[in-house]
C-alpha atoms as a PDB file:
ATOM      1  CA  MET A   1       0.000   0.000   0.000  1.00  0.00           C
ATOM      2  CA  ASN A   2       1.316   3.405  -0.952  1.00  0.00           C
ATOM      3  CA  PHE A   3       0.939   5.560   2.143  1.00  0.00           C
ATOM      4  CA  LYS A   4       2.840   8.446   0.540  1.00  0.00           C
ATOM      5  CA  LYS A   5      -0.204   9.325  -1.554  1.00  0.00           C
ATOM      6  CA  ALA A   6      -2.948   8.042   0.727  1.00  0.00           C
ATOM      7  CA  ILE A   7      -3.743  10.935   3.046  1.00  0.00           C
ATOM      8  CA  VAL A   8      -7.060  10.957   4.830  1.00  0.00           C
ATOM      9  CA  THR A   9      -8.083  14.433   5.903  1.00  0.00           C
ATOM     10  CA  SER A  10     -11.794  14.288   6.419  1.00  0.00           C
ATOM     11  CA  MET A  11     -13.526  10.914   6.260  1.00  0.00           C
ATOM     12  CA  ILE A  12     -16.641   9.815   8.036  1.00  0.00           C
ATOM     13  CA  VAL A  13     -16.650   6.058   8.318  1.00  0.00           C
ATOM     14  CA  SER A  14     -18.658   4.087  10.853  1.00  0.00           C
ATOM     15  CA  GLY A  15     -19.231   7.205  12.893  1.00  0.00           C
ATOM     16  CA  MET A  16     -15.530   8.199  12.892  1.00  0.00           C
ATOM     17  CA  LEU A  17     -14.378  11.603  11.659  1.00  0.00           C
ATOM     18  CA  VAL A  18     -10.766  11.346  10.511  1.00  0.00           C
ATOM     19  CA  THR A  19      -8.654  14.469  10.062  1.00  0.00           C
ATOM     20  CA  VAL A  20      -4.953  15.183   9.715  1.00  0.00           C
ATOM     21  CA  ALA A  21      -4.979  15.844  13.437  1.00  0.00           C
ATOM     22  CA  GLY A  22      -6.406  12.444  14.228  1.00  0.00           C
ATOM     23  CA  PRO A  23      -9.727  10.624  14.562  1.00  0.00           C
ATOM     24  CA  VAL A  24     -12.728  11.846  16.526  1.00  0.00           C
ATOM     25  CA  PRO A  25     -15.741   9.608  17.117  1.00  0.00           C
ATOM     26  CA  VAL A  26     -18.632  11.772  15.990  1.00  0.00           C
ATOM     27  CA  GLY A  27     -21.168  10.022  18.207  1.00  0.00           C
ATOM     28  CA  VAL A  28     -19.143  10.653  21.362  1.00  0.00           C
ATOM     29  CA  ALA A  29     -18.581  14.329  20.613  1.00  0.00           C
ATOM     30  CA  ALA A  30     -22.241  14.818  19.756  1.00  0.00           C
ATOM     31  CA  ALA A  31     -23.363  13.105  22.955  1.00  0.00           C
ATOM     32  CA  GLN A  32     -21.090  15.312  25.054  1.00  0.00           C
ATOM     33  CA  GLU A  33     -22.374  18.465  23.410  1.00  0.00           C
ATOM     34  CA  GLN A  34     -26.003  17.353  23.598  1.00  0.00           C
ATOM     35  CA  LYS A  35     -25.684  16.846  27.350  1.00  0.00           C
ATOM     36  CA  GLN A  36     -24.374  20.389  27.728  1.00  0.00           C
ATOM     37  CA  SER A  37     -26.931  21.792  25.260  1.00  0.00           C
ATOM     38  CA  GLU A  38     -29.905  20.633  27.320  1.00  0.00           C
ATOM     39  CA  LYS A  39     -29.580  23.898  29.233  1.00  0.00           C
ATOM     40  CA  THR A  40     -31.420  26.856  27.678  1.00  0.00           C
ATOM     41  CA  VAL A  41     -30.119  30.365  28.402  1.00  0.00           C
ATOM     42  CA  LYS A  42     -31.737  33.748  27.769  1.00  0.00           C
ATOM     43  CA  VAL A  43     -29.790  36.095  25.503  1.00  0.00           C
ATOM     44  CA  ASP A  44     -28.306  39.121  27.245  1.00  0.00           C
ATOM     45  CA  LYS A  45     -30.040  42.348  26.169  1.00  0.00           C
ATOM     46  CA  THR A  46     -26.826  44.038  25.056  1.00  0.00           C
ATOM     47  CA  VAL A  47     -25.785  40.978  23.036  1.00  0.00           C
ATOM     48  CA  ALA A  48     -29.306  40.666  21.612  1.00  0.00           C
ATOM     49  CA  ALA A  49     -29.082  44.193  20.210  1.00  0.00           C
ATOM     50  CA  LYS A  50     -25.760  43.398  18.520  1.00  0.00           C
ATOM     51  CA  LEU A  51     -27.147  40.178  17.092  1.00  0.00           C
ATOM     52  CA  GLN A  52     -30.253  41.929  15.774  1.00  0.00           C
ATOM     53  CA  GLN A  53     -28.237  44.625  14.039  1.00  0.00           C
ATOM     54  CA  ALA A  54     -25.882  42.071  12.463  1.00  0.00           C
ATOM     55  CA  VAL A  55     -28.629  39.828  11.082  1.00  0.00           C
ATOM     56  CA  ASN A  56     -30.677  42.760   9.757  1.00  0.00           C
ATOM     57  CA  GLU A  57     -27.651  44.138   7.883  1.00  0.00           C
ATOM     58  CA  PHE A  58     -26.881  40.682   6.530  1.00  0.00           C
ATOM     59  CA  ALA A  59     -30.435  39.967   5.319  1.00  0.00           C
ATOM     60  CA  GLY A  60     -31.312  43.511   4.261  1.00  0.00           C
ATOM     61  CA  LYS A  61     -34.538  43.275   6.218  1.00  0.00           C
ATOM     62  CA  GLU A  62     -35.877  42.771   9.750  1.00  0.00           C
ATOM     63  CA  ILE A  63     -35.313  39.205  11.008  1.00  0.00           C
ATOM     64  CA  LYS A  64     -36.928  38.014  14.229  1.00  0.00           C
ATOM     65  CA  LEU A  65     -34.422  36.194  16.452  1.00  0.00           C
ATOM     66  CA  LYS A  66     -35.063  33.790  19.310  1.00  0.00           C
ATOM     67  CA  ASP A  67     -34.434  35.312  22.731  1.00  0.00           C
ATOM     68  CA  VAL A  68     -32.890  32.096  24.103  1.00  0.00           C
ATOM     69  CA  PHE A  69     -30.153  29.708  22.989  1.00  0.00           C
ATOM     70  CA  LYS A  70     -29.034  26.212  23.942  1.00  0.00           C
ATOM     71  CA  LEU A  71     -25.804  26.409  25.882  1.00  0.00           C
ATOM     72  CA  ALA A  72     -23.019  24.642  23.984  1.00  0.00           C
ATOM     73  CA  MET A  73     -19.585  23.614  25.201  1.00  0.00           C
ATOM     74  CA  GLY A  74     -16.926  26.327  25.082  1.00  0.00           C
ATOM     75  CA  ASP A  75     -17.135  30.074  24.517  1.00  0.00           C
ATOM     76  CA  TYR A  76     -18.825  30.135  21.099  1.00  0.00           C
ATOM     77  CA  GLN A  77     -22.641  30.072  21.237  1.00  0.00           C
ATOM     78  CA  THR A  78     -25.320  30.181  18.537  1.00  0.00           C
ATOM     79  CA  VAL A  79     -28.619  32.070  18.333  1.00  0.00           C
ATOM     80  CA  GLU A  80     -31.085  31.191  15.573  1.00  0.00           C
ATOM     81  CA  SER A  81     -33.887  33.119  13.930  1.00  0.00           C
ATOM     82  CA  VAL A  82     -37.462  32.167  14.797  1.00  0.00           C
ATOM     83  CA  ASP A  83     -37.942  30.625  11.338  1.00  0.00           C
ATOM     84  CA  GLY A  84     -34.646  28.689  11.632  1.00  0.00           C
ATOM     85  CA  LYS A  85     -33.203  30.171   8.424  1.00  0.00           C
ATOM     86  CA  TYR A  86     -30.543  32.373  10.055  1.00  0.00           C
ATOM     87  CA  ALA A  87     -27.932  31.672  12.709  1.00  0.00           C
ATOM     88  CA  LEU A  88     -25.432  33.911  14.461  1.00  0.00           C
ATOM     89  CA  GLU A  89     -22.416  32.891  16.504  1.00  0.00           C
ATOM     90  CA  PHE A  90     -21.199  35.015  19.396  1.00  0.00           C
ATOM     91  CA  SER A  91     -18.657  34.929  22.198  1.00  0.00           C
ATOM     92  CA  LEU A  92     -20.220  34.191  25.560  1.00  0.00           C
ATOM     93  CA  LYS A  93     -17.315  35.850  27.389  1.00  0.00           C
ATOM     94  CA  LYS A  94     -16.895  38.997  25.287  1.00  0.00           C
ATOM     95  CA  GLY A  95     -20.400  39.334  23.874  1.00  0.00           C
ATOM     96  CA  ALA A  96     -18.992  39.968  20.398  1.00  0.00           C
ATOM     97  CA  VAL A  97     -20.867  38.736  17.309  1.00  0.00           C
ATOM     98  CA  LEU A  98     -18.516  36.413  15.426  1.00  0.00           C
ATOM     99  CA  SER A  99     -20.436  35.276  12.369  1.00  0.00           C
ATOM    100  CA  VAL A 100     -23.792  35.174  10.641  1.00  0.00           C
ATOM    101  CA  ARG A 101     -25.254  32.749   8.125  1.00  0.00           C
ATOM    102  CA  GLY A 102     -28.465  32.577   6.152  1.00  0.00           C
ATOM    103  CA  PRO A 103     -30.084  32.237   2.717  1.00  0.00           C
ATOM    104  CA  VAL A 104     -29.218  34.514  -0.216  1.00  0.00           C
ATOM    105  CA  PRO A 105     -30.186  34.373  -3.928  1.00  0.00           C
ATOM    106  CA  ILE A 106     -27.853  32.235  -6.007  1.00  0.00           C
ATOM    107  CA  ASP A 107     -27.438  35.059  -8.517  1.00  0.00           C
ATOM    108  CA  LYS A 108     -24.976  36.681  -6.112  1.00  0.00           C
ATOM    109  CA  ILE A 109     -22.620  34.353  -7.991  1.00  0.00           C
ATOM    110  CA  SER A 110     -22.431  35.126 -11.703  1.00  0.00           C
ATOM    111  CA  LYS A 111     -23.720  32.684 -14.312  1.00  0.00           C
ATOM    112  CA  GLU A 112     -20.168  32.336 -15.589  1.00  0.00           C
ATOM    113  CA  ASP A 113     -18.871  31.313 -12.172  1.00  0.00           C
ATOM    114  CA  GLN A 114     -21.830  28.990 -11.656  1.00  0.00           C
ATOM    115  CA  GLU A 115     -20.881  27.187 -14.866  1.00  0.00           C
ATOM    116  CA  LYS A 116     -17.290  26.903 -13.621  1.00  0.00           C
ATOM    117  CA  ILE A 117     -18.599  25.286 -10.441  1.00  0.00           C
ATOM    118  CA  VAL A 118     -20.678  22.816 -12.453  1.00  0.00           C
ATOM    119  CA  GLN A 119     -17.649  21.886 -14.551  1.00  0.00           C
ATOM    120  CA  TYR A 120     -15.621  21.405 -11.393  1.00  0.00           C
ATOM    121  CA  LEU A 121     -18.248  19.020  -9.997  1.00  0.00           C
ATOM    122  CA  ILE A 122     -18.392  17.129 -13.285  1.00  0.00           C
ATOM    123  CA  LYS A 123     -14.643  16.691 -13.074  1.00  0.00           C
ATOM    124  CA  GLN A 124     -15.037  15.112  -9.619  1.00  0.00           C
ATOM    125  CA  TYR A 125     -17.896  12.817 -10.660  1.00  0.00           C
ATOM    126  CA  PRO A 126     -19.155  12.977 -14.264  1.00  0.00           C
ATOM    127  CA  ASN A 127     -22.118  10.580 -14.054  1.00  0.00           C
ATOM    128  CA  LYS A 128     -24.543  13.135 -12.668  1.00  0.00           C
ATOM    129  CA  THR A 129     -26.491  16.234 -13.675  1.00  0.00           C
ATOM    130  CA  TYR A 130     -25.802  19.245 -11.452  1.00  0.00           C
ATOM    131  CA  THR A 131     -28.592  21.821 -11.117  1.00  0.00           C
ATOM    132  CA  PHE A 132     -28.426  24.389  -8.320  1.00  0.00           C
ATOM    133  CA  GLU A 133     -31.328  25.516  -6.146  1.00  0.00           C
ATOM    134  CA  ASN A 134     -32.388  29.167  -6.428  1.00  0.00           C
ATOM    135  CA  GLU A 135     -31.108  29.995  -2.947  1.00  0.00           C
ATOM    136  CA  MET A 136     -27.759  29.251  -1.349  1.00  0.00           C
ATOM    137  CA  GLU A 137     -26.483  29.680   2.192  1.00  0.00           C
ATOM    138  CA  MET A 138     -24.007  32.452   2.858  1.00  0.00           C
ATOM    139  CA  PHE A 139     -21.640  32.452   5.838  1.00  0.00           C
ATOM    140  CA  LYS A 140     -19.834  35.628   6.853  1.00  0.00           C
ATOM    141  CA  GLU A 141     -17.289  36.144   9.617  1.00  0.00           C
ATOM    142  CA  LEU A 142     -17.532  39.474  11.388  1.00  0.00           C
ATOM    143  CA  GLY A 143     -15.091  41.582  13.334  1.00  0.00           C
ATOM    144  CA  GLY A 144     -12.431  41.866  10.648  1.00  0.00           C
ATOM    145  CA  ARG A 145     -11.761  38.143  10.220  1.00  0.00           C
ATOM    146  CA  GLY A 146     -13.093  38.310   6.703  1.00  0.00           C
ATOM    147  CA  LYS A 147     -14.030  34.771   5.704  1.00  0.00           C
ATOM    148  CA  ILE A 148     -17.017  34.455   3.394  1.00  0.00           C
ATOM    149  CA  SER A 149     -18.420  31.196   2.054  1.00  0.00           C
ATOM    150  CA  TYR A 150     -21.378  30.029   0.004  1.00  0.00           C
ATOM    151  CA  THR A 151     -23.044  26.627   0.138  1.00  0.00           C
ATOM    152  CA  LEU A 152     -24.717  25.718  -3.151  1.00  0.00           C
ATOM    153  CA  LYS A 153     -27.107  22.761  -3.108  1.00  0.00           C
ATOM    154  CA  GLY A 154     -28.884  20.528  -5.574  1.00  0.00           C
ATOM    155  CA  LYS A 155     -30.427  17.077  -5.653  1.00  0.00           C
ATOM    156  CA  ASP A 156     -28.061  14.769  -3.721  1.00  0.00           C
ATOM    157  CA  PHE A 157     -25.097  17.140  -3.746  1.00  0.00           C
ATOM    158  CA  TRP A 158     -23.704  20.300  -2.198  1.00  0.00           C
ATOM    159  CA  ILE A 159     -20.511  22.327  -2.531  1.00  0.00           C
ATOM    160  CA  VAL A 160     -18.984  25.052  -0.354  1.00  0.00           C
ATOM    161  CA  LEU A 161     -17.026  27.893  -1.955  1.00  0.00           C
ATOM    162  CA  SER A 162     -14.990  30.325   0.109  1.00  0.00           C
ATOM    163  CA  ASN A 163     -12.327  33.004  -0.002  1.00  0.00           C
ATOM    164  CA  HIS A 164     -10.117  30.964   2.348  1.00  0.00           C
ATOM    165  CA  LYS A 165      -6.534  32.016   1.576  1.00  0.00           C
ATOM    166  CA  GLN A 166      -5.047  28.572   2.233  1.00  0.00           C
ATOM    167  CA  LEU A 167      -7.083  26.912  -0.509  1.00  0.00           C
ATOM    168  CA  LYS A 168      -5.663  26.694  -4.010  1.00  0.00           C
ATOM    169  CA  ASP A 169      -7.516  28.565  -6.743  1.00  0.00           C
ATOM    170  CA  LEU A 170      -9.133  25.668  -8.601  1.00  0.00           C
ATOM    171  CA  LEU A 171     -11.804  27.662 -10.430  1.00  0.00           C
ATOM    172  CA  GLY A 172      -9.567  30.349 -11.841  1.00  0.00           C
ATOM    173  CA  SER A 173     -11.385  32.897  -9.709  1.00  0.00           C
ATOM    174  CA  PRO A 174      -9.421  35.142  -7.322  1.00  0.00           C
ATOM    175  CA  GLU A 175     -12.291  35.174  -4.823  1.00  0.00           C
ATOM    176  CA  LEU A 176     -14.175  31.886  -4.621  1.00  0.00           C
ATOM    177  CA  LYS A 177     -12.512  28.505  -4.239  1.00  0.00           C
ATOM    178  CA  PRO A 178     -13.987  25.048  -3.582  1.00  0.00           C
ATOM    179  CA  GLU A 179     -13.672  24.205   0.098  1.00  0.00           C
ATOM    180  CA  ASN A 180     -15.786  21.090   0.552  1.00  0.00           C
ATOM    181  CA  TYR A 181     -18.309  19.072  -1.378  1.00  0.00           C
ATOM    182  CA  GLU A 182     -20.460  15.970  -1.081  1.00  0.00           C
ATOM    183  CA  ILE A 183     -21.973  14.036  -3.955  1.00  0.00           C
ATOM    184  CA  LYS A 184     -24.370  11.127  -3.392  1.00  0.00           C
ATOM    185  CA  THR A 185     -25.134   8.467  -5.960  1.00  0.00           C
ATOM    186  CA  ASP A 186     -26.493   4.952  -6.306  1.00  0.00           C
ATOM    187  CA  ALA A 187     -23.666   2.556  -5.467  1.00  0.00           C
ATOM    188  CA  LYS A 188     -24.688   0.350  -8.391  1.00  0.00           C
ATOM    189  CA  LYS A 189     -23.464   3.088 -10.752  1.00  0.00           C
ATOM    190  CA  LEU A 190     -19.889   2.720  -9.512  1.00  0.00           C
ATOM    191  CA  ASP A 191     -17.202   0.705 -11.212  1.00  0.00           C
ATOM    192  CA  LYS A 192     -17.791  -3.030 -10.742  1.00  0.00           C
ATOM    193  CA  LYS A 193     -14.146  -3.562  -9.910  1.00  0.00           C
ATOM    194  CA  MET A 194     -14.420  -1.052  -7.056  1.00  0.00           C
ATOM    195  CA  LEU A 195     -17.545  -2.723  -5.716  1.00  0.00           C
ATOM    196  CA  LYS A 196     -15.832  -6.100  -5.829  1.00  0.00           C
ATOM    197  CA  THR A 197     -12.820  -4.730  -3.940  1.00  0.00           C
ATOM    198  CA  VAL A 198     -15.116  -3.252  -1.283  1.00  0.00           C
ATOM    199  CA  SER A 199     -17.107  -6.473  -0.861  1.00  0.00           C
ATOM    200  CA  GLU A 200     -13.925  -8.505  -0.497  1.00  0.00           C
ATOM    201  CA  ALA A 201     -12.616  -6.083   2.152  1.00  0.00           C
ATOM    202  CA  VAL A 202     -15.804  -6.357   4.211  1.00  0.00           C
ATOM    203  CA  LYS A 203     -15.710 -10.141   4.005  1.00  0.00           C
ATOM    204  CA  MET A 204     -12.068 -10.108   5.021  1.00  0.00           C
ATOM    205  CA  VAL A 205     -12.493  -7.797   8.042  1.00  0.00           C
ATOM    206  CA  LEU A 206     -16.043  -8.424   9.298  1.00  0.00           C
ATOM    207  CA  ASN A 207     -16.776 -11.802   7.715  1.00  0.00           C
ATOM    208  CA  GLN A 208     -20.007 -10.314   6.369  1.00  0.00           C
ATOM    209  CA  ASN A 209     -21.531 -10.067   2.914  1.00  0.00           C
ATOM    210  CA  PHE A 210     -21.774  -6.462   1.765  1.00  0.00           C
ATOM    211  CA  ASN A 211     -24.390  -5.001  -0.547  1.00  0.00           C
ATOM    212  CA  ALA A 212     -23.552  -1.343  -1.106  1.00  0.00           C
ATOM    213  CA  THR A 213     -26.692   0.711  -1.690  1.00  0.00           C
ATOM    214  CA  GLU A 214     -25.417   4.263  -1.228  1.00  0.00           C
ATOM    215  CA  ALA A 215     -22.176   5.893  -2.303  1.00  0.00           C
ATOM    216  CA  ILE A 216     -20.968   9.326  -1.205  1.00  0.00           C
ATOM    217  CA  LEU A 217     -18.013  11.176  -2.696  1.00  0.00           C
ATOM    218  CA  LEU A 218     -16.515  13.340   0.055  1.00  0.00           C
ATOM    219  CA  SER A 219     -13.853  16.026  -0.040  1.00  0.00           C
ATOM    220  CA  GLY A 220     -11.023  16.894   2.299  1.00  0.00           C
ATOM    221  CA  HIS A 221      -7.864  18.969   2.320  1.00  0.00           C
ATOM    222  CA  TYR A 222      -4.147  18.333   2.381  1.00  0.00           C
ATOM    223  CA  GLN A 223      -1.580  21.129   2.024  1.00  0.00           C
ATOM    224  CA  GLY A 224      -4.072  23.378   0.234  1.00  0.00           C
ATOM    225  CA  ASP A 225      -5.233  20.699  -2.187  1.00  0.00           C
ATOM    226  CA  ILE A 226      -8.688  19.157  -2.198  1.00  0.00           C
ATOM    227  CA  ILE A 227      -8.677  15.371  -2.184  1.00  0.00           C
ATOM    228  CA  SER A 228     -11.636  13.046  -2.661  1.00  0.00           C
ATOM    229  CA  LYS A 229     -12.679   9.749  -1.162  1.00  0.00           C
ATOM    230  CA  TRP A 230     -15.645   7.455  -1.407  1.00  0.00           C
ATOM    231  CA  GLN A 231     -17.807   6.221   1.419  1.00  0.00           C
ATOM    232  CA  LEU A 232     -20.028   3.254   0.600  1.00  0.00           C
ATOM    233  CA  LYS A 233     -22.903   2.193   2.859  1.00  0.00           C
ATOM    234  CA  GLY A 234     -25.157  -0.818   3.054  1.00  0.00           C
ATOM    235  CA  ASN A 235     -26.697  -3.235   5.586  1.00  0.00           C
ATOM    236  CA  GLY A 236     -25.288  -1.381   8.586  1.00  0.00           C
ATOM    237  CA  ILE A 237     -21.716  -1.283   7.265  1.00  0.00           C
ATOM    238  CA  SER A 238     -19.550   1.562   5.956  1.00  0.00           C
ATOM    239  CA  VAL A 239     -16.438   1.332   3.805  1.00  0.00           C
ATOM    240  CA  GLY A 240     -14.075   4.184   2.990  1.00  0.00           C
ATOM    241  CA  MET A 241     -11.957   4.394  -0.146  1.00  0.00           C
ATOM    242  CA  GLU A 242      -9.398   7.014  -1.146  1.00  0.00           C
ATOM    243  CA  GLY A 243      -6.399   7.698  -3.294  1.00  0.00           C
ATOM    244  CA  GLU A 244      -5.668   7.123  -6.960  1.00  0.00           C
ATOM    245  CA  PRO A 245      -6.291   4.363  -7.719  1.00  0.00           C
ATOM    246  CA  SER A 246      -8.863   4.010  -4.944  1.00  0.00           C
ATOM    247  CA  ARG A 247      -7.929   1.733  -2.072  1.00  0.00           C
ATOM    248  CA  VAL A 248      -9.905   0.635   0.954  1.00  0.00           C
ATOM    249  CA  SER A 249      -8.864   2.745   3.941  1.00  0.00           C
ATOM    250  CA  ALA A 250     -11.643   1.964   6.432  1.00  0.00           C
ATOM    251  CA  VAL A 251     -14.136  -0.797   7.166  1.00  0.00           C
ATOM    252  CA  GLY A 252     -16.640  -0.889  10.018  1.00  0.00           C
ATOM    253  CA  TYR A 253     -20.163  -1.327  11.316  1.00  0.00           C
ATOM    254  CA  ASP A 254     -22.420   1.677  11.860  1.00  0.00           C
ATOM    255  CA  SER A 255     -21.540   3.904  14.806  1.00  0.00           C
ATOM    256  CA  LYS A 256     -24.483   2.883  17.026  1.00  0.00           C
ATOM    257  CA  ARG A 257     -23.543  -0.773  16.886  1.00  0.00           C
ATOM    258  CA  VAL A 258     -19.851  -0.050  17.413  1.00  0.00           C
ATOM    259  CA  GLU A 259     -20.476   2.165  20.444  1.00  0.00           C
ATOM    260  CA  LYS A 260     -22.782  -0.448  21.950  1.00  0.00           C
ATOM    261  CA  GLU A 261     -20.579  -3.508  21.468  1.00  0.00           C
ATOM    262  CA  LYS A 262     -16.959  -2.354  21.464  1.00  0.00           C
ATOM    263  CA  VAL A 263     -14.683  -2.712  24.484  1.00  0.00           C
ATOM    264  CA  LYS A 264     -14.354   0.525  26.432  1.00  0.00           C
ATOM    265  CA  THR A 265     -11.033  -0.185  28.149  1.00  0.00           C
ATOM    266  CA  ASN A 266      -7.750  -1.860  27.264  1.00  0.00           C
ATOM    267  CA  LYS A 267      -8.094  -3.898  30.446  1.00  0.00           C
ATOM    268  CA  GLU A 268     -10.855  -5.918  28.784  1.00  0.00           C
ATOM    269  CA  ILE A 269      -8.470  -6.855  25.991  1.00  0.00           C
ATOM    270  CA  PRO A 270      -4.840  -6.050  26.840  1.00  0.00           C
ATOM    271  CA  GLU A 271      -2.876  -4.235  24.145  1.00  0.00           C
ATOM    272  CA  LYS A 272      -0.608  -7.230  23.571  1.00  0.00           C
ATOM    273  CA  GLU A 273      -3.595  -9.400  22.666  1.00  0.00           C
ATOM    274  CA  ALA A 274      -5.300  -6.682  20.630  1.00  0.00           C
ATOM    275  CA  ARG A 275      -2.100  -6.175  18.655  1.00  0.00           C
ATOM    276  CA  LYS A 276      -2.208  -9.737  17.336  1.00  0.00           C
ATOM    277  CA  VAL A 277      -5.795  -9.316  16.140  1.00  0.00           C
ATOM    278  CA  ILE A 278      -5.213  -5.938  14.494  1.00  0.00           C
ATOM    279  CA  ALA A 279      -1.901  -7.035  12.979  1.00  0.00           C
ATOM    280  CA  ALA A 280      -3.570  -9.952  11.204  1.00  0.00           C
ATOM    281  CA  VAL A 281      -6.320  -7.741   9.763  1.00  0.00           C
ATOM    282  CA  ALA A 282      -3.875  -4.967   8.772  1.00  0.00           C
ATOM    283  CA  LYS A 283      -1.769  -7.505   6.909  1.00  0.00           C
ATOM    284  CA  LYS A 284      -4.752  -8.801   4.942  1.00  0.00           C
ATOM    285  CA  LEU A 285      -6.447  -5.453   4.348  1.00  0.00           C
ATOM    286  CA  TYR A 286      -3.494  -3.079   3.917  1.00  0.00           C
ATOM    287  CA  ASN A 287      -0.654  -5.544   3.278  1.00  0.00           C
ATOM    288  CA  ILE A 288       1.261  -3.952   6.160  1.00  0.00           C
ATOM    289  CA  ASP A 289       3.635  -5.671   8.556  1.00  0.00           C
ATOM    290  CA  VAL A 290       3.070  -3.801  11.831  1.00  0.00           C
ATOM    291  CA  SER A 291       6.081  -5.293  13.636  1.00  0.00           C
ATOM    292  CA  GLY A 292       7.737  -1.850  13.706  1.00  0.00           C
ATOM    293  CA  TYR A 293       4.623  -0.038  14.866  1.00  0.00           C
ATOM    294  CA  LYS A 294       4.113   1.298  18.378  1.00  0.00           C
ATOM    295  CA  MET A 295       0.962  -0.033  20.070  1.00  0.00           C
ATOM    296  CA  GLY A 296      -1.266   2.329  22.033  1.00  0.00           C
ATOM    297  CA  TRP A 297      -4.745   2.978  23.426  1.00  0.00           C
ATOM    298  CA  ASP A 298      -6.760   6.161  22.944  1.00  0.00           C
ATOM    299  CA  ASN A 299      -8.516   6.554  26.273  1.00  0.00           C
ATOM    300  CA  ASN A 300     -10.643   9.479  25.089  1.00  0.00           C
ATOM    301  CA  PHE A 301     -12.304   7.645  22.207  1.00  0.00           C
ATOM    302  CA  LYS A 302     -11.725   4.047  23.293  1.00  0.00           C
ATOM    303  CA  PHE A 303      -9.841   2.464  20.406  1.00  0.00           C
ATOM    304  CA  TYR A 304      -6.457   0.850  19.832  1.00  0.00           C
ATOM    305  CA  THR A 305      -3.769   2.516  17.722  1.00  0.00           C
ATOM    306  CA  LEU A 306      -0.652   1.376  15.893  1.00  0.00           C
ATOM    307  CA  GLU A 307       1.709   4.193  14.906  1.00  0.00           C
ATOM    308  CA  LYS A 308       4.923   4.486  12.928  1.00  0.00           C
ATOM    309  CA  ASP A 309       6.852   7.555  11.777  1.00  0.00           C
ATOM    310  CA  ILE A 310       7.645   7.557   8.065  1.00  0.00           C
ATOM    311  CA  GLU A 311       9.433   9.925   5.736  1.00  0.00           C
ATOM    312  CA  ASP A 312       8.321  13.480   4.941  1.00  0.00           C
ATOM    313  CA  ASN A 313       7.481  14.148   8.595  1.00  0.00           C
ATOM    314  CA  GLN A 314       4.407  11.928   8.510  1.00  0.00           C
ATOM    315  CA  THR A 315       3.097   9.434  11.027  1.00  0.00           C
ATOM    316  CA  THR A 316       1.152   6.445   9.749  1.00  0.00           C
ATOM    317  CA  ILE A 317      -1.645   5.347  12.050  1.00  0.00           C
ATOM    318  CA  ILE A 318      -3.877   2.284  12.055  1.00  0.00           C
ATOM    319  CA  ALA A 319      -6.782   2.492  14.499  1.00  0.00           C
ATOM    320  CA  ALA A 320      -9.272  -0.217  15.416  1.00  0.00           C
ATOM    321  CA  GLU A 321     -12.197  -0.931  17.710  1.00  0.00           C
ATOM    322  CA  LEU A 322     -12.764  -4.475  18.999  1.00  0.00           C
ATOM    323  CA  ASP A 323     -15.677  -6.223  20.640  1.00  0.00           C
ATOM    324  CA  ALA A 324     -15.412  -8.442  23.728  1.00  0.00           C
ATOM    325  CA  LYS A 325     -14.825 -11.510  21.549  1.00  0.00           C
ATOM    326  CA  LYS A 326     -11.762  -9.870  19.935  1.00  0.00           C
ATOM    327  CA  ASN A 327     -13.519  -9.235  16.657  1.00  0.00           C
ATOM    328  CA  VAL A 328     -12.629  -6.083  14.732  1.00  0.00           C
ATOM    329  CA  MET A 329     -15.678  -3.823  14.550  1.00  0.00           C
ATOM    330  CA  ASN A 330     -14.023  -0.873  12.855  1.00  0.00           C
ATOM    331  CA  ILE A 331     -10.552  -0.348  11.379  1.00  0.00           C
ATOM    332  CA  PHE A 332      -9.147   2.618   9.483  1.00  0.00           C
ATOM    333  CA  SER A 333      -5.784   4.022   8.466  1.00  0.00           C
ATOM    334  CA  TYR A 334      -4.584   7.558   7.887  1.00  0.00           C
ATOM    335  CA  GLU A 335      -1.539   9.789   8.055  1.00  0.00           C
ATOM    336  CA  ARG A 336      -0.943  12.932  10.034  1.00  0.00           C
ATOM    337  CA  PRO A 337       1.961  15.360  10.371  1.00  0.00           C
ATOM    338  CA  ARG A 338       4.503  13.980  12.815  1.00  0.00           C
ATOM    339  CA  LEU A 339       4.034  15.318  16.311  1.00  0.00           C
ATOM    340  CA  PHE A 340       7.315  16.722  17.604  1.00  0.00           C
ATOM    341  CA  ARG A 341       7.790  16.554  21.327  1.00  0.00           C
END
């Protein structure tokens, strides 16, 4: 397996969000925030006035805001409009309005640029017709930070364009650049060779038959470039593919099943025993000999890790979740910049 080209920067597989900084189980993070968000707080009058002014200027008309918000973790909080179409973020400590988002007409982007966006999407996945809705969502940072983005949507796809300086200019426009996109399609439309590879990987790792019914092309970033990867879903299983040519990078059950059945501590299955299980699967799935990899346990998100530093200041990581019977429930690989200590 060529890890030099296979960089996972943003993949959702079996409830896991993988970034260059490492994996975060989406279900766990959501549960933590939901617990905190059960508390409803009334908006301070001074902050409410700032929020009202910001949303009215953004929309060009009077927008009625809610006078309460659900308390989220951290300093940044969000107040929504009564109709749910607008949202503003503010600092709980400073009371400053940080950003505003809401619907705007799509003709704020010229027809010429819209056609460039369509051609860009066709380049990512040609077997689809891309027609935009009449409205798009605009996001604007306030207070001099300057980021602006637009989310354009259509049937089973969306794309975010922004003026983010770190993104390469892929459209030939000095202002708007693709930041993220998602394209859904029927898995049966994918290459038969890819589907065969995916089915074999699921059989190899989970000993289950796999019938992919949904396929999602996701985007991520690495050093200013946008990279793409596929996520295939079916009968409670997710498979991630990335790179050129596409390779299987992740296999696992859906997040609810994993969270329910996986071991929650390395005392249930000691790392030495888990290593043998993961090593065997990694050899079959990735063709990797993990004898030089350092074994570890992520106590925050409850999974085992195997890490090895490679060239170009990158660390290769294989992560896995096991059930009490030492079966792999979820395994994925990625690279991240080496952490210097």
